[in-house]
Amino acid sequence: MLISALKFRLEKKGFEVVLATNKKEAGLQIIEKIPDLIVLDVDLPGFSEGEVVRFIKERKTQEVPLILLGGLKQGDFVLDALSLGANDFIIKPIKPVELILRIQKVLQERKLVNHP
């Protein structure tokens, strides 16, 4: 799914969305304004699976929920990521409705926001 269409759907549900198209941009966005939630595509340019795991482990935003998006081939990586603190992992291709429901669930668990 095109990122702009996904952004539109999330904004329509009341979420503020900030996009990053590579590792550097993502890091700058997170530093500039700590988000309520991070949705990270593990195939984002500039990130290897090892770097994603390090990002999860070392990030300064440990209290910020993290949902990862990735492919079926990343089996062991999923377990590593979840054990290091990722809150969820969604297998691509993603359905916008599923992503929205999972975002709401993670945020409700963290008691940050409640979008009906």
N, C-alpha and C. Protein backbone atom coordinates (compact mmCIF):
# COMPACT_ATOMS: atom_id res chain seq x y z
N MET A 1 0.86 -1.18 0.00
CA MET A 1 0.00 0.00 0.00
C MET A 1 0.89 1.23 0.00
N LEU A 2 0.50 2.21 -0.73
CA LEU A 2 1.26 3.44 -0.78
C LEU A 2 1.22 4.14 0.57
N ILE A 3 2.35 4.68 0.95
CA ILE A 3 2.47 5.31 2.25
C ILE A 3 1.52 6.51 2.39
N SER A 4 1.30 7.24 1.31
CA SER A 4 0.42 8.41 1.37
C SER A 4 -1.03 7.99 1.65
N ALA A 5 -1.44 6.86 1.11
CA ALA A 5 -2.80 6.36 1.36
C ALA A 5 -2.94 5.92 2.82
N LEU A 6 -1.91 5.28 3.33
CA LEU A 6 -1.92 4.86 4.73
C LEU A 6 -1.94 6.07 5.65
N LYS A 7 -1.13 7.07 5.33
CA LYS A 7 -1.10 8.32 6.10
C LYS A 7 -2.49 8.96 6.12
N PHE A 8 -3.14 9.01 4.96
CA PHE A 8 -4.48 9.57 4.86
C PHE A 8 -5.46 8.85 5.78
N ARG A 9 -5.41 7.52 5.75
CA ARG A 9 -6.33 6.72 6.59
C ARG A 9 -6.09 6.97 8.07
N LEU A 10 -4.83 7.03 8.47
CA LEU A 10 -4.51 7.27 9.88
C LEU A 10 -4.95 8.67 10.32
N GLU A 11 -4.70 9.66 9.47
CA GLU A 11 -5.13 11.02 9.80
C GLU A 11 -6.65 11.13 9.87
N LYS A 12 -7.32 10.40 9.00
CA LYS A 12 -8.79 10.39 9.01
C LYS A 12 -9.33 9.85 10.34
N LYS A 13 -8.55 8.95 10.97
CA LYS A 13 -8.93 8.38 12.27
C LYS A 13 -8.48 9.26 13.44
N GLY A 14 -7.87 10.41 13.12
CA GLY A 14 -7.49 11.36 14.17
C GLY A 14 -6.05 11.30 14.62
N PHE A 15 -5.22 10.52 13.94
CA PHE A 15 -3.81 10.43 14.30
C PHE A 15 -3.01 11.50 13.58
N GLU A 16 -2.02 12.05 14.27
CA GLU A 16 -1.06 12.93 13.63
C GLU A 16 0.06 12.03 13.12
N VAL A 17 0.40 12.14 11.85
CA VAL A 17 1.37 11.24 11.23
C VAL A 17 2.57 12.04 10.75
N VAL A 18 3.76 11.57 11.12
CA VAL A 18 5.01 12.13 10.64
C VAL A 18 5.73 11.01 9.91
N LEU A 19 6.11 11.26 8.66
CA LEU A 19 6.73 10.23 7.84
C LEU A 19 8.24 10.41 7.74
N ALA A 20 8.94 9.30 7.61
CA ALA A 20 10.37 9.30 7.32
C ALA A 20 10.62 8.26 6.25
N THR A 21 11.48 8.59 5.30
CA THR A 21 11.72 7.67 4.19
C THR A 21 13.06 6.95 4.28
N ASN A 22 13.85 7.26 5.32
CA ASN A 22 15.12 6.56 5.52
C ASN A 22 15.52 6.63 6.99
N LYS A 23 16.58 5.92 7.33
CA LYS A 23 17.04 5.81 8.72
C LYS A 23 17.38 7.17 9.31
N LYS A 24 18.13 7.98 8.58
CA LYS A 24 18.55 9.29 9.09
C LYS A 24 17.35 10.18 9.38
N GLU A 25 16.44 10.23 8.43
CA GLU A 25 15.23 11.04 8.58
C GLU A 25 14.40 10.57 9.78
N ALA A 26 14.30 9.26 9.95
CA ALA A 26 13.54 8.71 11.08
C ALA A 26 14.16 9.14 12.40
N GLY A 27 15.48 9.04 12.48
CA GLY A 27 16.17 9.45 13.70
C GLY A 27 15.96 10.91 14.02
N LEU A 28 16.02 11.76 13.01
CA LEU A 28 15.81 13.20 13.22
C LEU A 28 14.38 13.50 13.65
N GLN A 29 13.42 12.81 13.04
CA GLN A 29 12.01 13.03 13.40
C GLN A 29 11.76 12.67 14.86
N ILE A 30 12.35 11.57 15.31
CA ILE A 30 12.14 11.11 16.69
C ILE A 30 12.79 12.06 17.69
N ILE A 31 13.97 12.60 17.33
CA ILE A 31 14.65 13.55 18.21
C ILE A 31 13.88 14.87 18.28
N GLU A 32 13.39 15.32 17.13
CA GLU A 32 12.70 16.60 17.04
C GLU A 32 11.43 16.62 17.89
N LYS A 33 10.67 15.56 17.83
CA LYS A 33 9.42 15.48 18.59
C LYS A 33 9.18 14.03 18.97
N ILE A 34 9.26 13.74 20.26
CA ILE A 34 9.06 12.36 20.70
C ILE A 34 7.61 11.98 20.43
N PRO A 35 7.42 10.92 19.64
CA PRO A 35 6.06 10.53 19.26
C PRO A 35 5.36 9.72 20.34
N ASP A 36 4.05 9.57 20.19
CA ASP A 36 3.27 8.70 21.08
C ASP A 36 3.46 7.24 20.70
N LEU A 37 3.86 7.00 19.44
CA LEU A 37 4.01 5.64 18.92
C LEU A 37 4.92 5.69 17.70
N ILE A 38 5.72 4.64 17.52
CA ILE A 38 6.56 4.52 16.33
C ILE A 38 6.10 3.28 15.56
N VAL A 39 5.84 3.47 14.27
CA VAL A 39 5.58 2.35 13.36
C VAL A 39 6.77 2.34 12.42
N LEU A 40 7.54 1.26 12.47
CA LEU A 40 8.78 1.19 11.71
C LEU A 40 8.77 0.01 10.74
N ASP A 41 8.95 0.32 9.47
CA ASP A 41 9.09 -0.72 8.45
C ASP A 41 10.53 -1.20 8.51
N VAL A 42 10.74 -2.47 8.80
CA VAL A 42 12.11 -2.98 8.94
C VAL A 42 12.87 -2.96 7.62
N ASP A 43 12.18 -2.70 6.53
CA ASP A 43 12.83 -2.57 5.23
C ASP A 43 13.13 -1.11 4.88
N LEU A 44 13.01 -0.22 5.86
CA LEU A 44 13.31 1.20 5.64
C LEU A 44 14.76 1.34 5.19
N PRO A 45 15.02 2.07 4.12
CA PRO A 45 16.40 2.21 3.65
C PRO A 45 17.33 2.70 4.76
N GLY A 46 18.48 2.02 4.85
CA GLY A 46 19.47 2.39 5.85
C GLY A 46 19.46 1.50 7.08
N PHE A 47 18.43 0.68 7.25
CA PHE A 47 18.33 -0.23 8.39
C PHE A 47 18.54 -1.67 7.94
N SER A 48 19.44 -2.37 8.60
CA SER A 48 19.52 -3.81 8.46
C SER A 48 18.74 -4.39 9.63
N GLU A 49 18.47 -5.69 9.62
CA GLU A 49 17.76 -6.29 10.75
C GLU A 49 18.53 -6.07 12.05
N GLY A 50 19.85 -6.19 11.99
CA GLY A 50 20.67 -5.96 13.18
C GLY A 50 20.55 -4.54 13.69
N GLU A 51 20.49 -3.59 12.77
CA GLU A 51 20.35 -2.19 13.18
C GLU A 51 18.98 -1.92 13.79
N VAL A 52 17.96 -2.58 13.28
CA VAL A 52 16.63 -2.42 13.86
C VAL A 52 16.63 -2.95 15.29
N VAL A 53 17.25 -4.11 15.49
CA VAL A 53 17.33 -4.68 16.84
C VAL A 53 18.09 -3.73 17.76
N ARG A 54 19.22 -3.18 17.29
CA ARG A 54 19.97 -2.21 18.10
C ARG A 54 19.14 -0.98 18.39
N PHE A 55 18.39 -0.52 17.39
CA PHE A 55 17.53 0.64 17.56
C PHE A 55 16.53 0.39 18.69
N ILE A 56 15.93 -0.79 18.69
CA ILE A 56 14.95 -1.13 19.72
C ILE A 56 15.62 -1.15 21.09
N LYS A 57 16.78 -1.75 21.15
CA LYS A 57 17.48 -1.93 22.42
C LYS A 57 18.04 -0.62 22.98
N GLU A 58 18.55 0.23 22.09
CA GLU A 58 19.27 1.41 22.53
C GLU A 58 18.50 2.72 22.41
N ARG A 59 17.33 2.69 21.84
CA ARG A 59 16.63 3.95 21.58
C ARG A 59 16.34 4.71 22.87
N LYS A 60 16.36 6.00 22.74
CA LYS A 60 16.13 6.90 23.87
C LYS A 60 14.65 7.00 24.20
N THR A 61 13.83 6.37 23.39
CA THR A 61 12.38 6.47 23.54
C THR A 61 11.80 5.14 23.99
N GLN A 62 12.42 4.51 24.98
CA GLN A 62 11.99 3.19 25.43
C GLN A 62 10.52 3.16 25.84
N GLU A 63 10.01 4.26 26.37
CA GLU A 63 8.62 4.28 26.81
C GLU A 63 7.63 4.43 25.65
N VAL A 64 8.14 4.74 24.46
CA VAL A 64 7.29 4.93 23.29
C VAL A 64 7.01 3.56 22.67
N PRO A 65 5.74 3.19 22.52
CA PRO A 65 5.42 1.90 21.90
C PRO A 65 5.96 1.83 20.47
N LEU A 66 6.34 0.62 20.07
CA LEU A 66 6.94 0.39 18.76
C LEU A 66 6.24 -0.77 18.06
N ILE A 67 5.71 -0.50 16.88
CA ILE A 67 5.12 -1.53 16.03
C ILE A 67 6.01 -1.66 14.81
N LEU A 68 6.44 -2.88 14.52
CA LEU A 68 7.29 -3.14 13.37
C LEU A 68 6.47 -3.74 12.23
N LEU A 69 6.83 -3.37 11.01
CA LEU A 69 6.22 -3.93 9.80
C LEU A 69 7.31 -4.69 9.06
N GLY A 70 7.02 -5.91 8.61
CA GLY A 70 8.03 -6.67 7.89
C GLY A 70 7.43 -7.85 7.16
N GLY A 71 8.30 -8.60 6.49
CA GLY A 71 7.86 -9.73 5.69
C GLY A 71 7.88 -11.04 6.44
N LEU A 72 7.31 -12.06 5.82
CA LEU A 72 7.26 -13.40 6.40
C LEU A 72 8.63 -14.01 6.63
N LYS A 73 9.61 -13.63 5.84
CA LYS A 73 10.93 -14.24 5.91
C LYS A 73 11.72 -13.82 7.15
N GLN A 74 11.18 -12.94 7.96
CA GLN A 74 11.92 -12.40 9.09
C GLN A 74 11.54 -13.09 10.40
N GLY A 75 11.32 -14.39 10.37
CA GLY A 75 10.86 -15.17 11.52
C GLY A 75 11.63 -14.99 12.80
N ASP A 76 12.93 -15.36 12.83
CA ASP A 76 13.72 -15.23 14.05
C ASP A 76 13.88 -13.78 14.46
N PHE A 77 13.98 -12.91 13.47
CA PHE A 77 14.11 -11.48 13.76
C PHE A 77 12.90 -10.98 14.55
N VAL A 78 11.71 -11.46 14.20
CA VAL A 78 10.48 -11.05 14.90
C VAL A 78 10.60 -11.39 16.38
N LEU A 79 11.04 -12.59 16.68
CA LEU A 79 11.19 -13.01 18.08
C LEU A 79 12.20 -12.15 18.81
N ASP A 80 13.33 -11.86 18.17
CA ASP A 80 14.34 -10.99 18.78
C ASP A 80 13.78 -9.60 19.05
N ALA A 81 13.09 -9.05 18.06
CA ALA A 81 12.54 -7.70 18.20
C ALA A 81 11.51 -7.63 19.33
N LEU A 82 10.63 -8.61 19.38
CA LEU A 82 9.61 -8.62 20.43
C LEU A 82 10.24 -8.81 21.81
N SER A 83 11.26 -9.65 21.90
CA SER A 83 11.90 -9.88 23.20
C SER A 83 12.68 -8.65 23.66
N LEU A 84 13.10 -7.79 22.74
CA LEU A 84 13.84 -6.59 23.11
C LEU A 84 12.93 -5.39 23.39
N GLY A 85 11.63 -5.53 23.15
CA GLY A 85 10.75 -4.44 23.52
C GLY A 85 9.80 -3.93 22.45
N ALA A 86 9.87 -4.47 21.24
CA ALA A 86 8.86 -4.07 20.25
C ALA A 86 7.50 -4.55 20.77
N ASN A 87 6.47 -3.75 20.57
CA ASN A 87 5.15 -4.08 21.08
C ASN A 87 4.35 -4.98 20.16
N ASP A 88 4.66 -4.93 18.86
CA ASP A 88 3.90 -5.73 17.90
C ASP A 88 4.70 -5.84 16.62
N PHE A 89 4.35 -6.83 15.82
CA PHE A 89 4.97 -7.03 14.51
C PHE A 89 3.86 -7.40 13.54
N ILE A 90 3.73 -6.63 12.47
CA ILE A 90 2.69 -6.89 11.48
C ILE A 90 3.37 -7.32 10.19
N ILE A 91 2.90 -8.44 9.65
CA ILE A 91 3.47 -8.97 8.41
C ILE A 91 2.87 -8.24 7.21
N LYS A 92 3.76 -7.80 6.32
CA LYS A 92 3.34 -7.11 5.10
C LYS A 92 2.89 -8.13 4.06
N PRO A 93 2.00 -7.80 3.17
CA PRO A 93 1.37 -6.49 3.03
C PRO A 93 0.36 -6.26 4.16
N ILE A 94 0.29 -5.03 4.59
CA ILE A 94 -0.58 -4.71 5.72
C ILE A 94 -1.94 -4.22 5.22
N LYS A 95 -2.93 -4.45 6.05
CA LYS A 95 -4.26 -3.92 5.80
C LYS A 95 -4.41 -2.69 6.67
N PRO A 96 -4.80 -1.56 6.11
CA PRO A 96 -4.92 -0.34 6.91
C PRO A 96 -5.79 -0.53 8.16
N VAL A 97 -6.89 -1.25 8.02
CA VAL A 97 -7.79 -1.47 9.15
C VAL A 97 -7.07 -2.22 10.27
N GLU A 98 -6.28 -3.22 9.89
CA GLU A 98 -5.53 -3.99 10.88
C GLU A 98 -4.50 -3.10 11.59
N LEU A 99 -3.78 -2.29 10.82
CA LEU A 99 -2.79 -1.40 11.43
C LEU A 99 -3.46 -0.43 12.40
N ILE A 100 -4.57 0.15 12.01
CA ILE A 100 -5.28 1.08 12.88
C ILE A 100 -5.73 0.40 14.16
N LEU A 101 -6.28 -0.81 14.05
CA LEU A 101 -6.72 -1.54 15.24
C LEU A 101 -5.55 -1.87 16.17
N ARG A 102 -4.44 -2.26 15.59
CA ARG A 102 -3.27 -2.59 16.41
C ARG A 102 -2.68 -1.34 17.07
N ILE A 103 -2.67 -0.23 16.34
CA ILE A 103 -2.22 1.03 16.93
C ILE A 103 -3.10 1.39 18.11
N GLN A 104 -4.41 1.33 17.92
CA GLN A 104 -5.34 1.65 19.00
C GLN A 104 -5.12 0.73 20.20
N LYS A 105 -4.92 -0.55 19.95
CA LYS A 105 -4.71 -1.51 21.02
C LYS A 105 -3.44 -1.19 21.81
N VAL A 106 -2.35 -0.94 21.10
CA VAL A 106 -1.09 -0.63 21.78
C VAL A 106 -1.22 0.67 22.58
N LEU A 107 -1.84 1.68 21.99
CA LEU A 107 -1.99 2.95 22.70
C LEU A 107 -2.92 2.83 23.89
N GLN A 108 -3.97 2.04 23.77
CA GLN A 108 -4.87 1.82 24.90
C GLN A 108 -4.14 1.08 26.01
N GLU A 109 -3.31 0.13 25.64
CA GLU A 109 -2.52 -0.58 26.65
C GLU A 109 -1.59 0.38 27.37
N ARG A 110 -1.08 1.35 26.68
CA ARG A 110 -0.18 2.35 27.28
C ARG A 110 -0.93 3.54 27.87
N LYS A 111 -2.24 3.52 27.69
CA LYS A 111 -3.11 4.58 28.22
C LYS A 111 -2.68 5.98 27.76
N LEU A 112 -2.27 6.06 26.50
CA LEU A 112 -1.87 7.35 25.96
C LEU A 112 -3.03 8.09 25.33
N VAL A 113 -3.79 7.38 24.52
CA VAL A 113 -4.94 7.98 23.86
C VAL A 113 -6.02 6.94 23.73
N ASN A 114 -7.23 7.40 23.49
CA ASN A 114 -8.34 6.48 23.27
C ASN A 114 -9.13 6.99 22.08
N HIS A 115 -8.90 6.36 20.92
CA HIS A 115 -9.64 6.70 19.71
C HIS A 115 -10.74 5.67 19.52
N PRO A 116 -12.01 6.09 19.65
CA PRO A 116 -13.10 5.12 19.49
C PRO A 116 -13.21 4.59 18.08
